[in-house]
Amino acid sequence: MSFTIDESLRPLYVLHIYDDHMSLEQTKRLFGEVDKLLAREGKFGVVMHYKFDEAHPDDDDFDKEFDGNLDNDDDHKHDHKHKHEPGAAKFQKAWLTANRDRFAQKCVGIAIVSANSKYVAFYAPLANKIMSRMYRCPGAMFGDLDRAMKWVQVRMPQPVE
């Protein structure tokens, strides 16, 4: 399994992502699980913990592999460096587009955790802008799970223990 969702602090959900790419089937399964969480009443918060970064915390190839084009299927016919399966990015984009209003109404914040210090240093200043555009809720990036948890917890309408 490429992900797990820890619901023990409900309505704060911790999504542990174990692989740096997921198949289309895994992506559909993940968003099916997120659909169930979104169907619940009340506000929620999310921590997305990229566990795969822990194996290579200072890998600086994250920006070298990205050419800026996620959704052009023609690119998959060529030798390019993306690790996503054809269709997975399009599915994710369509799902996000369809669910932005739900996030805007119910999400108090999304924190991303990565052990890759270069990745965090690069994206942390942009995280709120990126998350606000993608999910329509506040966002932040951290190199530490505890700090990310605290950041989301203070935004919750009720204390999370």
C-alpha atoms as a PDB file:
ATOM      1  CA  MET A   1       0.000   0.000   0.000  1.00  0.00           C
ATOM      2  CA  SER A   2       1.335   3.425  -0.922  1.00  0.00           C
ATOM      3  CA  PHE A   3      -0.558   5.337   1.746  1.00  0.00           C
ATOM      4  CA  THR A   4      -2.305   5.085   5.088  1.00  0.00           C
ATOM      5  CA  ILE A   5      -4.684   7.515   6.736  1.00  0.00           C
ATOM      6  CA  ASP A   6      -4.429   7.871  10.511  1.00  0.00           C
ATOM      7  CA  GLU A   7      -7.853   8.888  11.839  1.00  0.00           C
ATOM      8  CA  SER A   8      -6.963   8.568  15.540  1.00  0.00           C
ATOM      9  CA  LEU A   9      -7.063  12.372  16.000  1.00  0.00           C
ATOM     10  CA  ARG A  10     -10.275  12.819  14.024  1.00  0.00           C
ATOM     11  CA  PRO A  11     -11.135  15.390  12.635  1.00  0.00           C
ATOM     12  CA  LEU A  12      -7.398  15.870  12.056  1.00  0.00           C
ATOM     13  CA  TYR A  13      -6.293  13.316   9.492  1.00  0.00           C
ATOM     14  CA  VAL A  14      -2.676  12.295   8.936  1.00  0.00           C
ATOM     15  CA  LEU A  15      -2.015  10.952   5.465  1.00  0.00           C
ATOM     16  CA  HIS A  16       1.238   8.968   5.326  1.00  0.00           C
ATOM     17  CA  ILE A  17       2.483   8.635   1.744  1.00  0.00           C
ATOM     18  CA  TYR A  18       5.085   5.882   1.297  1.00  0.00           C
ATOM     19  CA  ASP A  19       5.969   6.087  -2.415  1.00  0.00           C
ATOM     20  CA  ASP A  20       7.010   9.088  -4.460  1.00  0.00           C
ATOM     21  CA  HIS A  21       4.520   8.060  -7.127  1.00  0.00           C
ATOM     22  CA  MET A  22       1.264   6.146  -7.135  1.00  0.00           C
ATOM     23  CA  SER A  23      -0.423   4.145  -9.834  1.00  0.00           C
ATOM     24  CA  LEU A  24      -3.746   5.301 -11.232  1.00  0.00           C
ATOM     25  CA  GLU A  25      -5.448   2.560  -9.220  1.00  0.00           C
ATOM     26  CA  GLN A  26      -3.762   3.694  -5.982  1.00  0.00           C
ATOM     27  CA  THR A  27      -4.616   7.319  -6.758  1.00  0.00           C
ATOM     28  CA  LYS A  28      -8.277   6.425  -7.246  1.00  0.00           C
ATOM     29  CA  ARG A  29      -8.264   4.437  -4.006  1.00  0.00           C
ATOM     30  CA  LEU A  30      -6.702   7.359  -2.108  1.00  0.00           C
ATOM     31  CA  PHE A  31      -9.231   9.877  -3.380  1.00  0.00           C
ATOM     32  CA  GLY A  32     -12.059   7.428  -2.671  1.00  0.00           C
ATOM     33  CA  GLU A  33     -10.918   7.363   0.959  1.00  0.00           C
ATOM     34  CA  VAL A  34     -10.647  11.156   1.027  1.00  0.00           C
ATOM     35  CA  ASP A  35     -14.189  11.379  -0.401  1.00  0.00           C
ATOM     36  CA  LYS A  36     -15.414   9.430   2.638  1.00  0.00           C
ATOM     37  CA  LEU A  37     -13.624  11.841   4.984  1.00  0.00           C
ATOM     38  CA  LEU A  38     -15.073  14.859   3.182  1.00  0.00           C
ATOM     39  CA  ALA A  39     -18.577  13.412   3.551  1.00  0.00           C
ATOM     40  CA  ARG A  40     -18.322  13.648   7.336  1.00  0.00           C
ATOM     41  CA  GLU A  41     -19.823  16.591   9.180  1.00  0.00           C
ATOM     42  CA  GLY A  42     -17.757  19.484  10.456  1.00  0.00           C
ATOM     43  CA  LYS A  43     -14.394  21.064   9.832  1.00  0.00           C
ATOM     44  CA  PHE A  44     -11.214  19.030   9.415  1.00  0.00           C
ATOM     45  CA  GLY A  45      -7.449  19.418   9.090  1.00  0.00           C
ATOM     46  CA  VAL A  46      -4.894  17.378   7.155  1.00  0.00           C
ATOM     47  CA  VAL A  47      -1.232  16.556   7.589  1.00  0.00           C
ATOM     48  CA  MET A  48       0.356  14.976   4.504  1.00  0.00           C
ATOM     49  CA  HIS A  49       3.505  13.164   5.641  1.00  0.00           C
ATOM     50  CA  TYR A  50       5.818  12.195   2.783  1.00  0.00           C
ATOM     51  CA  LYS A  51       7.455   9.140   4.328  1.00  0.00           C
ATOM     52  CA  PHE A  52       9.492   8.286   1.215  1.00  0.00           C
ATOM     53  CA  ASP A  53      11.625  11.409   1.759  1.00  0.00           C
ATOM     54  CA  GLU A  54      12.995   9.944   4.969  1.00  0.00           C
ATOM     55  CA  ALA A  55      15.182   7.534   2.995  1.00  0.00           C
ATOM     56  CA  HIS A  56      16.851  10.404   1.084  1.00  0.00           C
ATOM     57  CA  PRO A  57      16.400  13.547   3.201  1.00  0.00           C
ATOM     58  CA  ASP A  58      18.849  15.720   1.264  1.00  0.00           C
ATOM     59  CA  ASP A  59      18.137  14.560  -2.286  1.00  0.00           C
ATOM     60  CA  ASP A  60      18.166  17.681  -4.451  1.00  0.00           C
ATOM     61  CA  ASP A  61      16.877  16.036  -7.632  1.00  0.00           C
ATOM     62  CA  PHE A  62      13.253  16.970  -6.877  1.00  0.00           C
ATOM     63  CA  ASP A  63      13.403  20.087  -9.040  1.00  0.00           C
ATOM     64  CA  LYS A  64      15.553  18.612 -11.816  1.00  0.00           C
ATOM     65  CA  GLU A  65      12.961  15.959 -12.713  1.00  0.00           C
ATOM     66  CA  PHE A  66      10.030  18.343 -13.111  1.00  0.00           C
ATOM     67  CA  ASP A  67       9.560  19.879 -16.551  1.00  0.00           C
ATOM     68  CA  GLY A  68       6.326  21.679 -15.645  1.00  0.00           C
ATOM     69  CA  ASN A  69       3.991  19.521 -17.720  1.00  0.00           C
ATOM     70  CA  LEU A  70       1.952  17.045 -15.693  1.00  0.00           C
ATOM     71  CA  ASP A  71      -1.048  16.416 -17.860  1.00  0.00           C
ATOM     72  CA  ASN A  72       0.039  16.057 -21.461  1.00  0.00           C
ATOM     73  CA  ASP A  73      -0.391  12.393 -22.362  1.00  0.00           C
ATOM     74  CA  ASP A  74       1.838  12.856 -25.405  1.00  0.00           C
ATOM     75  CA  ASP A  75       4.782  13.231 -23.022  1.00  0.00           C
ATOM     76  CA  HIS A  76       4.323   9.648 -21.901  1.00  0.00           C
ATOM     77  CA  LYS A  77       5.354   8.433 -25.337  1.00  0.00           C
ATOM     78  CA  HIS A  78       8.787   9.970 -24.827  1.00  0.00           C
ATOM     79  CA  ASP A  79      11.539   9.195 -22.396  1.00  0.00           C
ATOM     80  CA  HIS A  80      10.883  11.684 -19.639  1.00  0.00           C
ATOM     81  CA  LYS A  81      11.684  11.618 -15.951  1.00  0.00           C
ATOM     82  CA  HIS A  82       8.225  11.836 -14.349  1.00  0.00           C
ATOM     83  CA  LYS A  83       7.323   8.878 -12.216  1.00  0.00           C
ATOM     84  CA  HIS A  84       3.539   9.138 -12.404  1.00  0.00           C
ATOM     85  CA  GLU A  85       1.437   6.663 -14.300  1.00  0.00           C
ATOM     86  CA  PRO A  86      -0.441   8.014 -17.331  1.00  0.00           C
ATOM     87  CA  GLY A  87      -3.847   9.238 -16.222  1.00  0.00           C
ATOM     88  CA  ALA A  88      -3.001   9.625 -12.522  1.00  0.00           C
ATOM     89  CA  ALA A  89      -2.227  13.347 -12.751  1.00  0.00           C
ATOM     90  CA  LYS A  90      -5.352  13.989 -14.832  1.00  0.00           C
ATOM     91  CA  PHE A  91      -7.482  12.050 -12.363  1.00  0.00           C
ATOM     92  CA  GLN A  92      -6.019  14.016  -9.449  1.00  0.00           C
ATOM     93  CA  LYS A  93      -6.545  17.343 -11.213  1.00  0.00           C
ATOM     94  CA  ALA A  94     -10.165  16.491 -12.076  1.00  0.00           C
ATOM     95  CA  TRP A  95     -10.853  15.342  -8.509  1.00  0.00           C
ATOM     96  CA  LEU A  96      -9.329  18.502  -7.025  1.00  0.00           C
ATOM     97  CA  THR A  97     -11.314  20.701  -9.393  1.00  0.00           C
ATOM     98  CA  ALA A  98     -14.545  18.908  -8.470  1.00  0.00           C
ATOM     99  CA  ASN A  99     -13.859  19.117  -4.715  1.00  0.00           C
ATOM    100  CA  ARG A 100     -12.380  22.603  -4.218  1.00  0.00           C
ATOM    101  CA  ASP A 101     -15.634  23.988  -2.835  1.00  0.00           C
ATOM    102  CA  ARG A 102     -15.827  21.175  -0.278  1.00  0.00           C
ATOM    103  CA  PHE A 103     -12.282  21.941   0.886  1.00  0.00           C
ATOM    104  CA  ALA A 104     -12.989  25.688   0.979  1.00  0.00           C
ATOM    105  CA  GLN A 105     -15.985  25.114   3.253  1.00  0.00           C
ATOM    106  CA  LYS A 106     -14.590  22.453   5.579  1.00  0.00           C
ATOM    107  CA  CYS A 107     -10.764  22.420   5.611  1.00  0.00           C
ATOM    108  CA  VAL A 108      -9.002  24.492   8.280  1.00  0.00           C
ATOM    109  CA  GLY A 109      -5.534  23.734   6.900  1.00  0.00           C
ATOM    110  CA  ILE A 110      -3.243  21.291   5.156  1.00  0.00           C
ATOM    111  CA  ALA A 111       0.332  20.832   6.360  1.00  0.00           C
ATOM    112  CA  ILE A 112       2.891  18.968   4.286  1.00  0.00           C
ATOM    113  CA  VAL A 113       5.819  17.216   5.961  1.00  0.00           C
ATOM    114  CA  SER A 114       8.996  16.253   4.146  1.00  0.00           C
ATOM    115  CA  ALA A 115      12.374  15.160   5.514  1.00  0.00           C
ATOM    116  CA  ASN A 116      14.024  16.649   2.413  1.00  0.00           C
ATOM    117  CA  SER A 117      15.408  19.915   3.771  1.00  0.00           C
ATOM    118  CA  LYS A 118      16.102  21.340   0.299  1.00  0.00           C
ATOM    119  CA  TYR A 119      12.548  20.583  -0.825  1.00  0.00           C
ATOM    120  CA  VAL A 120      11.144  22.199   2.326  1.00  0.00           C
ATOM    121  CA  ALA A 121      13.401  25.257   1.992  1.00  0.00           C
ATOM    122  CA  PHE A 122      12.340  25.705  -1.639  1.00  0.00           C
ATOM    123  CA  TYR A 123       8.578  25.180  -1.210  1.00  0.00           C
ATOM    124  CA  ALA A 124       7.846  26.372   2.352  1.00  0.00           C
ATOM    125  CA  PRO A 125       7.604  30.058   1.361  1.00  0.00           C
ATOM    126  CA  LEU A 126       5.155  29.118  -1.425  1.00  0.00           C
ATOM    127  CA  ALA A 127       3.144  26.455   0.415  1.00  0.00           C
ATOM    128  CA  ASN A 128       0.234  28.652   1.504  1.00  0.00           C
ATOM    129  CA  LYS A 129      -0.170  30.101  -1.981  1.00  0.00           C
ATOM    130  CA  ILE A 130       0.008  26.659  -3.607  1.00  0.00           C
ATOM    131  CA  MET A 131      -2.424  25.048  -1.143  1.00  0.00           C
ATOM    132  CA  SER A 132      -4.832  27.970  -1.360  1.00  0.00           C
ATOM    133  CA  ARG A 133      -4.971  27.582  -5.134  1.00  0.00           C
ATOM    134  CA  MET A 134      -5.162  23.777  -5.131  1.00  0.00           C
ATOM    135  CA  TYR A 135      -7.445  23.138  -2.155  1.00  0.00           C
ATOM    136  CA  ARG A 136      -8.873  26.557  -1.273  1.00  0.00           C
ATOM    137  CA  CYS A 137      -7.635  26.269   2.308  1.00  0.00           C
ATOM    138  CA  PRO A 138      -4.530  27.448   4.194  1.00  0.00           C
ATOM    139  CA  GLY A 139      -1.364  25.419   3.793  1.00  0.00           C
ATOM    140  CA  ALA A 140       2.151  25.174   5.168  1.00  0.00           C
ATOM    141  CA  MET A 141       5.210  22.975   4.737  1.00  0.00           C
ATOM    142  CA  PHE A 142       7.420  21.576   7.472  1.00  0.00           C
ATOM    143  CA  GLY A 143      10.447  19.362   7.900  1.00  0.00           C
ATOM    144  CA  ASP A 144       9.076  18.050  11.188  1.00  0.00           C
ATOM    145  CA  LEU A 145       5.849  16.113  11.843  1.00  0.00           C
ATOM    146  CA  ASP A 146       5.331  17.570  15.338  1.00  0.00           C
ATOM    147  CA  ARG A 147       5.481  21.159  14.073  1.00  0.00           C
ATOM    148  CA  ALA A 148       3.067  20.334  11.257  1.00  0.00           C
ATOM    149  CA  MET A 149       0.632  18.706  13.688  1.00  0.00           C
ATOM    150  CA  LYS A 150       0.724  21.754  15.978  1.00  0.00           C
ATOM    151  CA  TRP A 151       0.193  24.115  13.042  1.00  0.00           C
ATOM    152  CA  VAL A 152      -3.003  22.290  12.028  1.00  0.00           C
ATOM    153  CA  GLN A 153      -4.203  21.715  15.596  1.00  0.00           C
ATOM    154  CA  VAL A 154      -4.290  25.433  16.438  1.00  0.00           C
ATOM    155  CA  ARG A 155      -6.587  25.963  13.436  1.00  0.00           C
ATOM    156  CA  MET A 156      -9.086  23.327  14.520  1.00  0.00           C
ATOM    157  CA  PRO A 157     -12.454  24.629  15.808  1.00  0.00           C
ATOM    158  CA  GLN A 158     -12.136  22.324  18.820  1.00  0.00           C
ATOM    159  CA  PRO A 159      -9.020  21.000  20.586  1.00  0.00           C
ATOM    160  CA  VAL A 160      -7.489  17.789  19.204  1.00  0.00           C
ATOM    161  CA  GLU A 161      -5.820  15.489  21.702  1.00  0.00           C
END
